[in-house]
Amino acid sequence: MLEHEFQCPYCWEGITMLLDTSVSRQTYIEDCEVCCNPIEIRVAFENNELQSFEANGIEQ
């Protein structure tokens, strides 16, 4: 597991999230812990190291 900090694309607050390094590519939806809006998370790992991270708002 890897702790990663980023800004919410809605409220711009800092969020800390645990990422699972055992899966090389992941896409999932996680709600912001501050404003509760859904965020699409896309991550990629190589050799358990973070290669890319995207946190995008979802049009509702």
PDB file of N, CA and C in Angstrom:
ATOM      1  N   MET A   1       0.843  -1.178   0.000  1.00  0.00           N
ATOM      2  CA  MET A   1       0.000   0.000   0.000  1.00  0.00           C
ATOM      3  C   MET A   1       0.891   1.245   0.000  1.00  0.00           C
ATOM      4  N   LEU A   2       0.376   2.271  -0.637  1.00  0.00           N
ATOM      5  CA  LEU A   2       1.102   3.532  -0.751  1.00  0.00           C
ATOM      6  C   LEU A   2       0.146   4.664  -0.386  1.00  0.00           C
ATOM      7  N   GLU A   3       0.572   5.539   0.498  1.00  0.00           N
ATOM      8  CA  GLU A   3      -0.223   6.713   0.842  1.00  0.00           C
ATOM      9  C   GLU A   3       0.093   7.816  -0.166  1.00  0.00           C
ATOM     10  N   HIS A   4      -0.972   8.396  -0.749  1.00  0.00           N
ATOM     11  CA  HIS A   4      -0.796   9.418  -1.782  1.00  0.00           C
ATOM     12  C   HIS A   4      -1.710  10.602  -1.476  1.00  0.00           C
ATOM     13  N   GLU A   5      -1.178  11.810  -1.587  1.00  0.00           N
ATOM     14  CA  GLU A   5      -1.954  13.019  -1.332  1.00  0.00           C
ATOM     15  C   GLU A   5      -2.186  13.762  -2.646  1.00  0.00           C
ATOM     16  N   PHE A   6      -3.404  14.284  -2.820  1.00  0.00           N
ATOM     17  CA  PHE A   6      -3.755  15.043  -4.018  1.00  0.00           C
ATOM     18  C   PHE A   6      -4.867  16.025  -3.670  1.00  0.00           C
ATOM     19  N   GLN A   7      -5.228  16.883  -4.626  1.00  0.00           N
ATOM     20  CA  GLN A   7      -6.300  17.861  -4.409  1.00  0.00           C
ATOM     21  C   GLN A   7      -7.577  17.381  -5.072  1.00  0.00           C
ATOM     22  N   CYS A   8      -8.701  17.565  -4.375  1.00  0.00           N
ATOM     23  CA  CYS A   8     -10.007  17.250  -4.926  1.00  0.00           C
ATOM     24  C   CYS A   8     -10.271  18.173  -6.127  1.00  0.00           C
ATOM     25  N   PRO A   9     -10.738  17.625  -7.257  1.00  0.00           N
ATOM     26  CA  PRO A   9     -11.014  18.474  -8.425  1.00  0.00           C
ATOM     27  C   PRO A   9     -12.261  19.348  -8.264  1.00  0.00           C
ATOM     28  N   TYR A  10     -13.008  19.168  -7.189  1.00  0.00           N
ATOM     29  CA  TYR A  10     -14.204  19.977  -6.924  1.00  0.00           C
ATOM     30  C   TYR A  10     -13.930  21.085  -5.904  1.00  0.00           C
ATOM     31  N   CYS A  11     -13.489  20.696  -4.718  1.00  0.00           N
ATOM     32  CA  CYS A  11     -13.344  21.663  -3.620  1.00  0.00           C
ATOM     33  C   CYS A  11     -11.886  22.084  -3.374  1.00  0.00           C
ATOM     34  N   TRP A  12     -10.956  21.452  -4.057  1.00  0.00           N
ATOM     35  CA  TRP A  12      -9.524  21.765  -3.996  1.00  0.00           C
ATOM     36  C   TRP A  12      -8.874  21.497  -2.640  1.00  0.00           C
ATOM     37  N   GLU A  13      -9.588  20.800  -1.760  1.00  0.00           N
ATOM     38  CA  GLU A  13      -9.006  20.415  -0.470  1.00  0.00           C
ATOM     39  C   GLU A  13      -8.015  19.269  -0.684  1.00  0.00           C
ATOM     40  N   GLY A  14      -7.016  19.197   0.191  1.00  0.00           N
ATOM     41  CA  GLY A  14      -6.058  18.095   0.141  1.00  0.00           C
ATOM     42  C   GLY A  14      -6.681  16.818   0.675  1.00  0.00           C
ATOM     43  N   ILE A  15      -6.490  15.723  -0.046  1.00  0.00           N
ATOM     44  CA  ILE A  15      -7.019  14.416   0.332  1.00  0.00           C
ATOM     45  C   ILE A  15      -5.860  13.431   0.361  1.00  0.00           C
ATOM     46  N   THR A  16      -5.853  12.554   1.348  1.00  0.00           N
ATOM     47  CA  THR A  16      -4.867  11.485   1.413  1.00  0.00           C
ATOM     48  C   THR A  16      -5.594  10.172   1.186  1.00  0.00           C
ATOM     49  N   MET A  17      -5.021   9.327   0.321  1.00  0.00           N
ATOM     50  CA  MET A  17      -5.663   8.076  -0.035  1.00  0.00           C
ATOM     51  C   MET A  17      -4.615   6.957  -0.032  1.00  0.00           C
ATOM     52  N   LEU A  18      -5.022   5.767   0.402  1.00  0.00           N
ATOM     53  CA  LEU A  18      -4.158   4.600   0.319  1.00  0.00           C
ATOM     54  C   LEU A  18      -4.380   3.920  -1.020  1.00  0.00           C
ATOM     55  N   LEU A  19      -3.299   3.690  -1.759  1.00  0.00           N
ATOM     56  CA  LEU A  19      -3.375   3.041  -3.060  1.00  0.00           C
ATOM     57  C   LEU A  19      -2.779   1.639  -2.964  1.00  0.00           C
ATOM     58  N   ASP A  20      -3.424   0.695  -3.632  1.00  0.00           N
ATOM     59  CA  ASP A  20      -2.988  -0.706  -3.640  1.00  0.00           C
ATOM     60  C   ASP A  20      -1.945  -0.904  -4.729  1.00  0.00           C
ATOM     61  N   THR A  21      -0.690  -1.111  -4.351  1.00  0.00           N
ATOM     62  CA  THR A  21       0.402  -1.253  -5.315  1.00  0.00           C
ATOM     63  C   THR A  21       0.458  -2.636  -5.957  1.00  0.00           C
ATOM     64  N   SER A  22      -0.349  -3.580  -5.477  1.00  0.00           N
ATOM     65  CA  SER A  22      -0.295  -4.946  -6.011  1.00  0.00           C
ATOM     66  C   SER A  22      -1.020  -5.097  -7.350  1.00  0.00           C
ATOM     67  N   VAL A  23      -1.819  -4.082  -7.746  1.00  0.00           N
ATOM     68  CA  VAL A  23      -2.525  -4.109  -9.027  1.00  0.00           C
ATOM     69  C   VAL A  23      -1.896  -3.037  -9.913  1.00  0.00           C
ATOM     70  N   SER A  24      -1.358  -3.436 -11.078  1.00  0.00           N
ATOM     71  CA  SER A  24      -0.556  -2.507 -11.879  1.00  0.00           C
ATOM     72  C   SER A  24      -1.352  -1.347 -12.480  1.00  0.00           C
ATOM     73  N   ARG A  25      -2.606  -1.583 -12.901  1.00  0.00           N
ATOM     74  CA  ARG A  25      -3.436  -0.498 -13.454  1.00  0.00           C
ATOM     75  C   ARG A  25      -4.821  -0.577 -12.826  1.00  0.00           C
ATOM     76  N   GLN A  26      -5.315   0.576 -12.363  1.00  0.00           N
ATOM     77  CA  GLN A  26      -6.605   0.619 -11.684  1.00  0.00           C
ATOM     78  C   GLN A  26      -7.381   1.859 -12.105  1.00  0.00           C
ATOM     79  N   THR A  27      -8.686   1.707 -12.215  1.00  0.00           N
ATOM     80  CA  THR A  27      -9.601   2.828 -12.413  1.00  0.00           C
ATOM     81  C   THR A  27     -10.808   2.570 -11.522  1.00  0.00           C
ATOM     82  N   TYR A  28     -11.149   3.534 -10.689  1.00  0.00           N
ATOM     83  CA  TYR A  28     -12.297   3.372  -9.799  1.00  0.00           C
ATOM     84  C   TYR A  28     -12.810   4.737  -9.370  1.00  0.00           C
ATOM     85  N   ILE A  29     -13.991   4.729  -8.739  1.00  0.00           N
ATOM     86  CA  ILE A  29     -14.635   5.952  -8.252  1.00  0.00           C
ATOM     87  C   ILE A  29     -14.527   5.992  -6.730  1.00  0.00           C
ATOM     88  N   GLU A  30     -14.109   7.129  -6.219  1.00  0.00           N
ATOM     89  CA  GLU A  30     -13.989   7.341  -4.768  1.00  0.00           C
ATOM     90  C   GLU A  30     -14.610   8.705  -4.464  1.00  0.00           C
ATOM     91  N   ASP A  31     -15.416   8.788  -3.419  1.00  0.00           N
ATOM     92  CA  ASP A  31     -15.998  10.070  -3.030  1.00  0.00           C
ATOM     93  C   ASP A  31     -14.983  10.896  -2.238  1.00  0.00           C
ATOM     94  N   CYS A  32     -14.986  12.212  -2.488  1.00  0.00           N
ATOM     95  CA  CYS A  32     -14.138  13.124  -1.721  1.00  0.00           C
ATOM     96  C   CYS A  32     -14.564  13.060  -0.259  1.00  0.00           C
ATOM     97  N   GLU A  33     -13.606  12.959   0.638  1.00  0.00           N
ATOM     98  CA  GLU A  33     -13.928  12.885   2.068  1.00  0.00           C
ATOM     99  C   GLU A  33     -14.361  14.237   2.629  1.00  0.00           C
ATOM    100  N   VAL A  34     -14.174  15.327   1.869  1.00  0.00           N
ATOM    101  CA  VAL A  34     -14.552  16.662   2.325  1.00  0.00           C
ATOM    102  C   VAL A  34     -15.917  17.078   1.749  1.00  0.00           C
ATOM    103  N   CYS A  35     -16.045  17.058   0.408  1.00  0.00           N
ATOM    104  CA  CYS A  35     -17.276  17.554  -0.229  1.00  0.00           C
ATOM    105  C   CYS A  35     -18.200  16.441  -0.729  1.00  0.00           C
ATOM    106  N   CYS A  36     -17.764  15.194  -0.640  1.00  0.00           N
ATOM    107  CA  CYS A  36     -18.572  14.006  -0.997  1.00  0.00           C
ATOM    108  C   CYS A  36     -18.870  13.852  -2.485  1.00  0.00           C
ATOM    109  N   ASN A  37     -18.242  14.636  -3.353  1.00  0.00           N
ATOM    110  CA  ASN A  37     -18.437  14.469  -4.794  1.00  0.00           C
ATOM    111  C   ASN A  37     -17.620  13.284  -5.299  1.00  0.00           C
ATOM    112  N   PRO A  38     -18.097  12.588  -6.361  1.00  0.00           N
ATOM    113  CA  PRO A  38     -17.382  11.425  -6.887  1.00  0.00           C
ATOM    114  C   PRO A  38     -16.169  11.829  -7.722  1.00  0.00           C
ATOM    115  N   ILE A  39     -15.066  11.148  -7.500  1.00  0.00           N
ATOM    116  CA  ILE A  39     -13.817  11.403  -8.210  1.00  0.00           C
ATOM    117  C   ILE A  39     -13.390  10.112  -8.907  1.00  0.00           C
ATOM    118  N   GLU A  40     -13.084  10.209 -10.207  1.00  0.00           N
ATOM    119  CA  GLU A  40     -12.554   9.055 -10.926  1.00  0.00           C
ATOM    120  C   GLU A  40     -11.044   9.013 -10.698  1.00  0.00           C
ATOM    121  N   ILE A  41     -10.580   7.923 -10.132  1.00  0.00           N
ATOM    122  CA  ILE A  41      -9.160   7.729  -9.835  1.00  0.00           C
ATOM    123  C   ILE A  41      -8.571   6.760 -10.853  1.00  0.00           C
ATOM    124  N   ARG A  42      -7.477   7.140 -11.468  1.00  0.00           N
ATOM    125  CA  ARG A  42      -6.736   6.257 -12.390  1.00  0.00           C
ATOM    126  C   ARG A  42      -5.289   6.215 -11.916  1.00  0.00           C
ATOM    127  N   VAL A  43      -4.796   5.022 -11.649  1.00  0.00           N
ATOM    128  CA  VAL A  43      -3.421   4.879 -11.185  1.00  0.00           C
ATOM    129  C   VAL A  43      -2.722   3.780 -11.974  1.00  0.00           C
ATOM    130  N   ALA A  44      -1.414   3.910 -12.098  1.00  0.00           N
ATOM    131  CA  ALA A  44      -0.582   2.892 -12.738  1.00  0.00           C
ATOM    132  C   ALA A  44       0.691   2.729 -11.912  1.00  0.00           C
ATOM    133  N   PHE A  45       1.051   1.475 -11.681  1.00  0.00           N
ATOM    134  CA  PHE A  45       2.257   1.135 -10.939  1.00  0.00           C
ATOM    135  C   PHE A  45       3.161   0.273 -11.795  1.00  0.00           C
ATOM    136  N   GLU A  46       4.456   0.390 -11.570  1.00  0.00           N
ATOM    137  CA  GLU A  46       5.433  -0.498 -12.183  1.00  0.00           C
ATOM    138  C   GLU A  46       6.442  -0.841 -11.100  1.00  0.00           C
ATOM    139  N   ASN A  47       6.615  -2.136 -10.854  1.00  0.00           N
ATOM    140  CA  ASN A  47       7.498  -2.605  -9.776  1.00  0.00           C
ATOM    141  C   ASN A  47       7.127  -1.966  -8.441  1.00  0.00           C
ATOM    142  N   ASN A  48       5.825  -1.887  -8.182  1.00  0.00           N
ATOM    143  CA  ASN A  48       5.275  -1.324  -6.939  1.00  0.00           C
ATOM    144  C   ASN A  48       5.569   0.163  -6.749  1.00  0.00           C
ATOM    145  N   GLU A  49       5.982   0.853  -7.813  1.00  0.00           N
ATOM    146  CA  GLU A  49       6.215   2.294  -7.744  1.00  0.00           C
ATOM    147  C   GLU A  49       5.177   3.013  -8.594  1.00  0.00           C
ATOM    148  N   LEU A  50       4.658   4.109  -8.071  1.00  0.00           N
ATOM    149  CA  LEU A  50       3.631   4.877  -8.764  1.00  0.00           C
ATOM    150  C   LEU A  50       4.212   5.509 -10.029  1.00  0.00           C
ATOM    151  N   GLN A  51       3.592   5.203 -11.176  1.00  0.00           N
ATOM    152  CA  GLN A  51       4.027   5.761 -12.458  1.00  0.00           C
ATOM    153  C   GLN A  51       3.127   6.912 -12.893  1.00  0.00           C
ATOM    154  N   SER A  52       1.818   6.771 -12.637  1.00  0.00           N
ATOM    155  CA  SER A  52       0.890   7.858 -12.998  1.00  0.00           C
ATOM    156  C   SER A  52      -0.303   7.838 -12.047  1.00  0.00           C
ATOM    157  N   PHE A  53      -0.860   9.026 -11.837  1.00  0.00           N
ATOM    158  CA  PHE A  53      -2.024   9.203 -10.970  1.00  0.00           C
ATOM    159  C   PHE A  53      -2.873  10.316 -11.559  1.00  0.00           C
ATOM    160  N   GLU A  54      -4.180  10.054 -11.729  1.00  0.00           N
ATOM    161  CA  GLU A  54      -5.122  11.069 -12.188  1.00  0.00           C
ATOM    162  C   GLU A  54      -6.330  11.043 -11.278  1.00  0.00           C
ATOM    163  N   ALA A  55      -6.815  12.210 -10.915  1.00  0.00           N
ATOM    164  CA  ALA A  55      -8.040  12.359 -10.127  1.00  0.00           C
ATOM    165  C   ALA A  55      -8.908  13.379 -10.839  1.00  0.00           C
ATOM    166  N   ASN A  56      -9.980  12.905 -11.460  1.00  0.00           N
ATOM    167  CA  ASN A  56     -10.826  13.767 -12.281  1.00  0.00           C
ATOM    168  C   ASN A  56     -12.258  13.795 -11.763  1.00  0.00           C
ATOM    169  N   GLY A  57     -12.866  14.971 -11.864  1.00  0.00           N
ATOM    170  CA  GLY A  57     -14.272  15.086 -11.527  1.00  0.00           C
ATOM    171  C   GLY A  57     -15.126  14.369 -12.562  1.00  0.00           C
ATOM    172  N   ILE A  58     -16.315  13.969 -12.149  1.00  0.00           N
ATOM    173  CA  ILE A  58     -17.243  13.265 -13.029  1.00  0.00           C
ATOM    174  C   ILE A  58     -18.410  14.197 -13.315  1.00  0.00           C
ATOM    175  N   GLU A  59     -18.730  14.375 -14.597  1.00  0.00           N
ATOM    176  CA  GLU A  59     -19.866  15.220 -14.952  1.00  0.00           C
ATOM    177  C   GLU A  59     -21.140  14.548 -14.501  1.00  0.00           C
ATOM    178  N   GLN A  60     -21.977  15.304 -13.842  1.00  0.00           N
ATOM    179  CA  GLN A  60     -23.224  14.736 -13.306  1.00  0.00           C
ATOM    180  C   GLN A  60     -24.421  15.257 -14.042  1.00  0.00           C
TER     181      GLN A  60
END
